[in-house]
PDB file of N, CA and C in Angstrom:
ATOM      1  N   UNK A   1     -24.093  -4.786  -1.285  1.00  0.00           N
ATOM      2  CA  UNK A   1     -22.486  -4.315  -1.353  1.00  0.00           C
ATOM      3  C   UNK A   1     -22.351  -3.939  -2.686  1.00  0.00           C
ATOM      4  N   UNK A   2     -21.698  -2.803  -2.965  1.00  0.00           N
ATOM      5  CA  UNK A   2     -21.387  -2.344  -4.233  1.00  0.00           C
ATOM      6  C   UNK A   2     -19.866  -2.518  -4.588  1.00  0.00           C
ATOM      7  N   UNK A   3     -19.503  -2.695  -5.835  1.00  0.00           N
ATOM      8  CA  UNK A   3     -18.297  -2.917  -6.461  1.00  0.00           C
ATOM      9  C   UNK A   3     -17.843  -4.323  -6.198  1.00  0.00           C
ATOM     10  N   UNK A   4     -16.694  -4.739  -6.764  1.00  0.00           N
ATOM     11  CA  UNK A   4     -16.201  -5.921  -6.636  1.00  0.00           C
ATOM     12  C   UNK A   4     -14.970  -5.987  -5.710  1.00  0.00           C
ATOM     13  N   UNK A   5     -14.996  -7.106  -5.058  1.00  0.00           N
ATOM     14  CA  UNK A   5     -13.786  -7.342  -4.120  1.00  0.00           C
ATOM     15  C   UNK A   5     -12.543  -7.605  -4.746  1.00  0.00           C
ATOM     16  N   UNK A   6     -11.468  -7.071  -4.530  1.00  0.00           N
ATOM     17  CA  UNK A   6     -10.220  -7.378  -4.937  1.00  0.00           C
ATOM     18  C   UNK A   6      -9.373  -8.071  -3.904  1.00  0.00           C
ATOM     19  N   UNK A   7      -8.924  -9.192  -4.445  1.00  0.00           N
ATOM     20  CA  UNK A   7      -8.117  -9.963  -3.418  1.00  0.00           C
ATOM     21  C   UNK A   7      -6.761  -9.444  -2.994  1.00  0.00           C
ATOM     22  N   UNK A   8      -6.175  -9.892  -1.938  1.00  0.00           N
ATOM     23  CA  UNK A   8      -4.884  -9.484  -1.367  1.00  0.00           C
ATOM     24  C   UNK A   8      -3.804  -9.672  -2.164  1.00  0.00           C
ATOM     25  N   UNK A   9      -3.882 -10.829  -3.070  1.00  0.00           N
ATOM     26  CA  UNK A   9      -2.696 -11.130  -3.857  1.00  0.00           C
ATOM     27  C   UNK A   9      -2.671 -10.010  -5.010  1.00  0.00           C
ATOM     28  N   UNK A  10      -3.749  -9.700  -5.527  1.00  0.00           N
ATOM     29  CA  UNK A  10      -3.911  -8.630  -6.575  1.00  0.00           C
ATOM     30  C   UNK A  10      -3.453  -7.442  -6.135  1.00  0.00           C
ATOM     31  N   UNK A  11      -3.835  -6.921  -5.002  1.00  0.00           N
ATOM     32  CA  UNK A  11      -3.395  -5.671  -4.315  1.00  0.00           C
ATOM     33  C   UNK A  11      -1.723  -5.841  -4.209  1.00  0.00           C
ATOM     34  N   UNK A  12      -1.436  -6.927  -3.689  1.00  0.00           N
ATOM     35  CA  UNK A  12       0.130  -6.855  -3.562  1.00  0.00           C
ATOM     36  C   UNK A  12       0.841  -6.733  -4.769  1.00  0.00           C
ATOM     37  N   UNK A  13       0.314  -7.380  -5.740  1.00  0.00           N
ATOM     38  CA  UNK A  13       0.997  -7.279  -7.137  1.00  0.00           C
ATOM     39  C   UNK A  13       0.958  -5.785  -7.857  1.00  0.00           C
ATOM     40  N   UNK A  14      -0.385  -5.159  -7.424  1.00  0.00           N
ATOM     41  CA  UNK A  14      -0.388  -3.759  -7.821  1.00  0.00           C
ATOM     42  C   UNK A  14       0.569  -2.814  -7.013  1.00  0.00           C
ATOM     43  N   UNK A  15       0.726  -3.076  -5.828  1.00  0.00           N
ATOM     44  CA  UNK A  15       1.580  -2.251  -5.055  1.00  0.00           C
ATOM     45  C   UNK A  15       3.025  -2.388  -5.469  1.00  0.00           C
ATOM     46  N   UNK A  16       3.330  -3.717  -5.692  1.00  0.00           N
ATOM     47  CA  UNK A  16       4.753  -3.831  -6.087  1.00  0.00           C
ATOM     48  C   UNK A  16       5.070  -3.268  -7.396  1.00  0.00           C
ATOM     49  N   UNK A  17       4.163  -3.273  -8.283  1.00  0.00           N
ATOM     50  CA  UNK A  17       4.374  -2.517  -9.621  1.00  0.00           C
ATOM     51  C   UNK A  17       4.544  -1.089  -9.556  1.00  0.00           C
ATOM     52  N   UNK A  18       3.621  -0.465  -8.682  1.00  0.00           N
ATOM     53  CA  UNK A  18       3.517   0.885  -8.542  1.00  0.00           C
ATOM     54  C   UNK A  18       4.890   1.478  -7.908  1.00  0.00           C
ATOM     55  N   UNK A  19       5.087   0.733  -6.843  1.00  0.00           N
ATOM     56  CA  UNK A  19       6.283   1.183  -5.806  1.00  0.00           C
ATOM     57  C   UNK A  19       7.678   0.564  -6.228  1.00  0.00           C
ATOM     58  N   UNK A  20       7.743   0.057  -7.378  1.00  0.00           N
ATOM     59  CA  UNK A  20       8.998  -0.621  -7.902  1.00  0.00           C
ATOM     60  C   UNK A  20       9.701  -1.586  -6.990  1.00  0.00           C
ATOM     61  N   UNK A  21       8.714  -2.422  -6.211  1.00  0.00           N
ATOM     62  CA  UNK A  21       9.340  -3.334  -5.345  1.00  0.00           C
ATOM     63  C   UNK A  21       9.752  -2.816  -3.920  1.00  0.00           C
ATOM     64  N   UNK A  22       9.484  -1.483  -3.620  1.00  0.00           N
ATOM     65  CA  UNK A  22       9.979  -0.957  -2.374  1.00  0.00           C
ATOM     66  C   UNK A  22       8.847  -1.093  -1.226  1.00  0.00           C
ATOM     67  N   UNK A  23       7.733  -1.402  -1.588  1.00  0.00           N
ATOM     68  CA  UNK A  23       6.598  -1.518  -0.678  1.00  0.00           C
ATOM     69  C   UNK A  23       5.906  -2.916  -0.801  1.00  0.00           C
ATOM     70  N   UNK A  24       5.505  -3.473   0.350  1.00  0.00           N
ATOM     71  CA  UNK A  24       4.652  -4.503   0.244  1.00  0.00           C
ATOM     72  C   UNK A  24       3.494  -4.620   1.246  1.00  0.00           C
ATOM     73  N   UNK A  25       2.578  -5.231   1.099  1.00  0.00           N
ATOM     74  CA  UNK A  25       1.360  -5.236   1.898  1.00  0.00           C
ATOM     75  C   UNK A  25       1.370  -6.458   2.974  1.00  0.00           C
ATOM     76  N   UNK A  26       0.929  -6.144   4.127  1.00  0.00           N
ATOM     77  CA  UNK A  26       0.816  -7.171   5.003  1.00  0.00           C
ATOM     78  C   UNK A  26      -0.606  -7.761   4.817  1.00  0.00           C
ATOM     79  N   UNK A  27      -0.625  -8.890   4.062  1.00  0.00           N
ATOM     80  CA  UNK A  27      -1.804  -9.434   3.655  1.00  0.00           C
ATOM     81  C   UNK A  27      -2.856  -9.868   4.825  1.00  0.00           C
ATOM     82  N   UNK A  28      -2.337  -9.993   5.884  1.00  0.00           N
ATOM     83  CA  UNK A  28      -3.216 -10.452   7.125  1.00  0.00           C
ATOM     84  C   UNK A  28      -4.096  -9.256   7.510  1.00  0.00           C
ATOM     85  N   UNK A  29      -3.767  -8.175   7.159  1.00  0.00           N
ATOM     86  CA  UNK A  29      -4.507  -6.756   7.566  1.00  0.00           C
ATOM     87  C   UNK A  29      -5.301  -6.257   6.413  1.00  0.00           C
ATOM     88  N   UNK A  30      -5.253  -6.809   5.361  1.00  0.00           N
ATOM     89  CA  UNK A  30      -6.116  -6.372   4.229  1.00  0.00           C
ATOM     90  C   UNK A  30      -7.466  -6.850   4.309  1.00  0.00           C
ATOM     91  N   UNK A  31      -8.492  -5.882   4.232  1.00  0.00           N
ATOM     92  CA  UNK A  31      -9.985  -6.138   4.173  1.00  0.00           C
ATOM     93  C   UNK A  31     -10.556  -5.937   2.959  1.00  0.00           C
ATOM     94  N   UNK A  32     -10.472  -4.657   2.530  1.00  0.00           N
ATOM     95  CA  UNK A  32     -10.914  -4.202   1.424  1.00  0.00           C
ATOM     96  C   UNK A  32     -10.179  -2.864   0.782  1.00  0.00           C
ATOM     97  N   UNK A  33     -10.359  -2.377  -0.431  1.00  0.00           N
ATOM     98  CA  UNK A  33      -9.592  -1.225  -0.789  1.00  0.00           C
ATOM     99  C   UNK A  33      -9.682   0.090   0.039  1.00  0.00           C
ATOM    100  N   UNK A  34     -10.899   0.258   0.487  1.00  0.00           N
ATOM    101  CA  UNK A  34     -11.077   1.577   1.258  1.00  0.00           C
ATOM    102  C   UNK A  34     -10.688   1.440   2.632  1.00  0.00           C
ATOM    103  N   UNK A  35     -10.393   0.273   3.262  1.00  0.00           N
ATOM    104  CA  UNK A  35     -10.057   0.206   4.560  1.00  0.00           C
ATOM    105  C   UNK A  35      -8.603   0.310   4.830  1.00  0.00           C
ATOM    106  N   UNK A  36      -8.113   0.622   5.925  1.00  0.00           N
ATOM    107  CA  UNK A  36      -6.635   0.818   6.302  1.00  0.00           C
ATOM    108  C   UNK A  36      -6.024  -0.672   6.367  1.00  0.00           C
ATOM    109  N   UNK A  37      -4.844  -0.838   5.740  1.00  0.00           N
ATOM    110  CA  UNK A  37      -4.054  -1.902   6.051  1.00  0.00           C
ATOM    111  C   UNK A  37      -2.565  -1.762   6.415  1.00  0.00           C
ATOM    112  N   UNK A  38      -1.942  -2.531   6.827  1.00  0.00           N
ATOM    113  CA  UNK A  38      -0.428  -2.421   6.998  1.00  0.00           C
ATOM    114  C   UNK A  38       0.444  -2.598   5.888  1.00  0.00           C
ATOM    115  N   UNK A  39       1.228  -1.652   5.588  1.00  0.00           N
ATOM    116  CA  UNK A  39       2.159  -1.642   4.345  1.00  0.00           C
ATOM    117  C   UNK A  39       3.699  -1.470   5.000  1.00  0.00           C
ATOM    118  N   UNK A  40       4.675  -2.042   4.389  1.00  0.00           N
ATOM    119  CA  UNK A  40       5.929  -2.113   4.767  1.00  0.00           C
ATOM    120  C   UNK A  40       6.882  -1.561   3.512  1.00  0.00           C
ATOM    121  N   UNK A  41       7.516  -0.546   4.069  1.00  0.00           N
ATOM    122  CA  UNK A  41       8.544   0.115   2.959  1.00  0.00           C
ATOM    123  C   UNK A  41       9.875  -0.557   3.387  1.00  0.00           C
ATOM    124  N   UNK A  42      10.661  -1.005   2.491  1.00  0.00           N
ATOM    125  CA  UNK A  42      11.895  -1.706   2.783  1.00  0.00           C
ATOM    126  C   UNK A  42      12.917  -0.845   3.384  1.00  0.00           C
ATOM    127  N   UNK A  43      12.766   0.427   3.087  1.00  0.00           N
ATOM    128  CA  UNK A  43      13.733   1.548   3.841  1.00  0.00           C
ATOM    129  C   UNK A  43      13.203   2.174   5.113  1.00  0.00           C
ATOM    130  N   UNK A  44      11.985   2.377   5.067  1.00  0.00           N
ATOM    131  CA  UNK A  44      11.287   3.163   6.329  1.00  0.00           C
ATOM    132  C   UNK A  44      10.551   2.450   7.269  1.00  0.00           C
ATOM    133  N   UNK A  45      10.192   1.257   6.877  1.00  0.00           N
ATOM    134  CA  UNK A  45       9.251   0.352   7.781  1.00  0.00           C
ATOM    135  C   UNK A  45       7.870   0.452   7.613  1.00  0.00           C
ATOM    136  N   UNK A  46       7.144   0.090   8.481  1.00  0.00           N
ATOM    137  CA  UNK A  46       5.621  -0.047   8.382  1.00  0.00           C
ATOM    138  C   UNK A  46       4.887   1.215   8.562  1.00  0.00           C
ATOM    139  N   UNK A  47       3.684   1.230   8.036  1.00  0.00           N
ATOM    140  CA  UNK A  47       2.737   2.302   8.177  1.00  0.00           C
ATOM    141  C   UNK A  47       1.474   1.677   7.722  1.00  0.00           C
ATOM    142  N   UNK A  48       0.413   2.569   8.340  1.00  0.00           N
ATOM    143  CA  UNK A  48      -0.945   2.099   7.813  1.00  0.00           C
ATOM    144  C   UNK A  48      -1.540   3.162   7.083  1.00  0.00           C
ATOM    145  N   UNK A  49      -2.238   2.599   5.949  1.00  0.00           N
ATOM    146  CA  UNK A  49      -2.832   3.421   5.058  1.00  0.00           C
ATOM    147  C   UNK A  49      -3.949   2.730   4.163  1.00  0.00           C
ATOM    148  N   UNK A  50      -4.904   3.431   3.515  1.00  0.00           N
ATOM    149  CA  UNK A  50      -5.964   2.736   2.786  1.00  0.00           C
ATOM    150  C   UNK A  50      -5.221   2.119   1.593  1.00  0.00           C
ATOM    151  N   UNK A  51      -5.684   1.028   1.222  1.00  0.00           N
ATOM    152  CA  UNK A  51      -5.040   0.220   0.216  1.00  0.00           C
ATOM    153  C   UNK A  51      -5.068   0.914  -1.131  1.00  0.00           C
ATOM    154  N   UNK A  52      -6.329   1.580  -1.299  1.00  0.00           N
ATOM    155  CA  UNK A  52      -6.564   2.267  -2.693  1.00  0.00           C
ATOM    156  C   UNK A  52      -5.542   3.442  -2.790  1.00  0.00           C
ATOM    157  N   UNK A  53      -5.156   4.055  -1.581  1.00  0.00           N
ATOM    158  CA  UNK A  53      -4.152   5.132  -1.757  1.00  0.00           C
ATOM    159  C   UNK A  53      -2.885   4.545  -2.207  1.00  0.00           C
ATOM    160  N   UNK A  54      -2.420   3.571  -1.364  1.00  0.00           N
ATOM    161  CA  UNK A  54      -1.053   2.943  -1.872  1.00  0.00           C
ATOM    162  C   UNK A  54      -1.069   2.474  -3.401  1.00  0.00           C
ATOM    163  N   UNK A  55      -2.112   1.710  -3.712  1.00  0.00           N
ATOM    164  CA  UNK A  55      -1.984   1.344  -5.079  1.00  0.00           C
ATOM    165  C   UNK A  55      -2.091   2.418  -6.155  1.00  0.00           C
ATOM    166  N   UNK A  56      -2.547   3.511  -5.637  1.00  0.00           N
ATOM    167  CA  UNK A  56      -2.346   4.715  -6.542  1.00  0.00           C
ATOM    168  C   UNK A  56      -1.436   5.718  -6.483  1.00  0.00           C
ATOM    169  N   UNK A  57      -0.422   5.285  -5.632  1.00  0.00           N
ATOM    170  CA  UNK A  57       0.991   5.948  -5.389  1.00  0.00           C
ATOM    171  C   UNK A  57       1.255   6.435  -4.219  1.00  0.00           C
ATOM    172  N   UNK A  58       0.515   6.493  -3.223  1.00  0.00           N
ATOM    173  CA  UNK A  58       0.881   7.083  -1.908  1.00  0.00           C
ATOM    174  C   UNK A  58       1.903   6.252  -1.148  1.00  0.00           C
ATOM    175  N   UNK A  59       2.913   6.743  -0.677  1.00  0.00           N
ATOM    176  CA  UNK A  59       3.982   5.935  -0.001  1.00  0.00           C
ATOM    177  C   UNK A  59       4.131   6.229   1.481  1.00  0.00           C
ATOM    178  N   UNK A  60       5.213   5.771   1.947  1.00  0.00           N
ATOM    179  CA  UNK A  60       5.567   5.973   3.376  1.00  0.00           C
ATOM    180  C   UNK A  60       5.665   7.387   3.647  1.00  0.00           C
ATOM    181  N   UNK A  61       5.065   7.981   4.570  1.00  0.00           N
ATOM    182  CA  UNK A  61       5.172   9.620   4.883  1.00  0.00           C
ATOM    183  C   UNK A  61       6.730   9.973   4.875  1.00  0.00           C
ATOM    184  N   UNK A  62       7.582   9.221   5.478  1.00  0.00           N
ATOM    185  CA  UNK A  62       8.943   9.747   5.297  1.00  0.00           C
ATOM    186  C   UNK A  62       9.701   9.808   4.019  1.00  0.00           C
ATOM    187  N   UNK A  63       9.178   9.111   3.116  1.00  0.00           N
ATOM    188  CA  UNK A  63       9.524   8.880   1.689  1.00  0.00           C
ATOM    189  C   UNK A  63       9.110  10.315   1.020  1.00  0.00           C
ATOM    190  N   UNK A  64       7.899  10.796   1.405  1.00  0.00           N
ATOM    191  CA  UNK A  64       7.424  11.970   0.932  1.00  0.00           C
ATOM    192  C   UNK A  64       8.200  13.317   1.371  1.00  0.00           C
ATOM    193  N   UNK A  65       8.791  13.091   2.615  1.00  0.00           N
ATOM    194  CA  UNK A  65       9.695  14.213   3.006  1.00  0.00           C
ATOM    195  C   UNK A  65      10.925  14.382   2.332  1.00  0.00           C
ATOM    196  N   UNK A  66      11.545  13.164   2.076  1.00  0.00           N
ATOM    197  CA  UNK A  66      12.618  12.939   1.074  1.00  0.00           C
ATOM    198  C   UNK A  66      12.428  13.736  -0.254  1.00  0.00           C
ATOM    199  N   UNK A  67      11.312  13.590  -0.671  1.00  0.00           N
ATOM    200  CA  UNK A  67      10.968  14.123  -2.011  1.00  0.00           C
ATOM    201  C   UNK A  67      10.771  15.485  -2.079  1.00  0.00           C
ATOM    202  N   UNK A  68      10.566  16.220  -0.983  1.00  0.00           N
ATOM    203  CA  UNK A  68      10.520  17.623  -0.765  1.00  0.00           C
ATOM    204  C   UNK A  68      11.877  18.222  -0.649  1.00  0.00           C
ATOM    205  N   UNK A  69      12.824  17.478  -0.225  1.00  0.00           N
ATOM    206  CA  UNK A  69      14.213  18.255   0.029  1.00  0.00           C
ATOM    207  C   UNK A  69      14.907  18.366  -1.356  1.00  0.00           C
TER     208      UNK A  69
END
């Protein structure tokens, strides 16, 4: 196995920092960075995405639509 495993608590912290507390990780669904997990946006609800994408800034799809307007 390549790379080091990052724990769900560390991912949760990174997500909270990147998304200014608007997004949290459902830790029971987290397996690894490149696997999909369930995230919850406080305004738009849940969605599934790869953890690494959310850590680097990807948010709920509905939030992206608002940015375009």
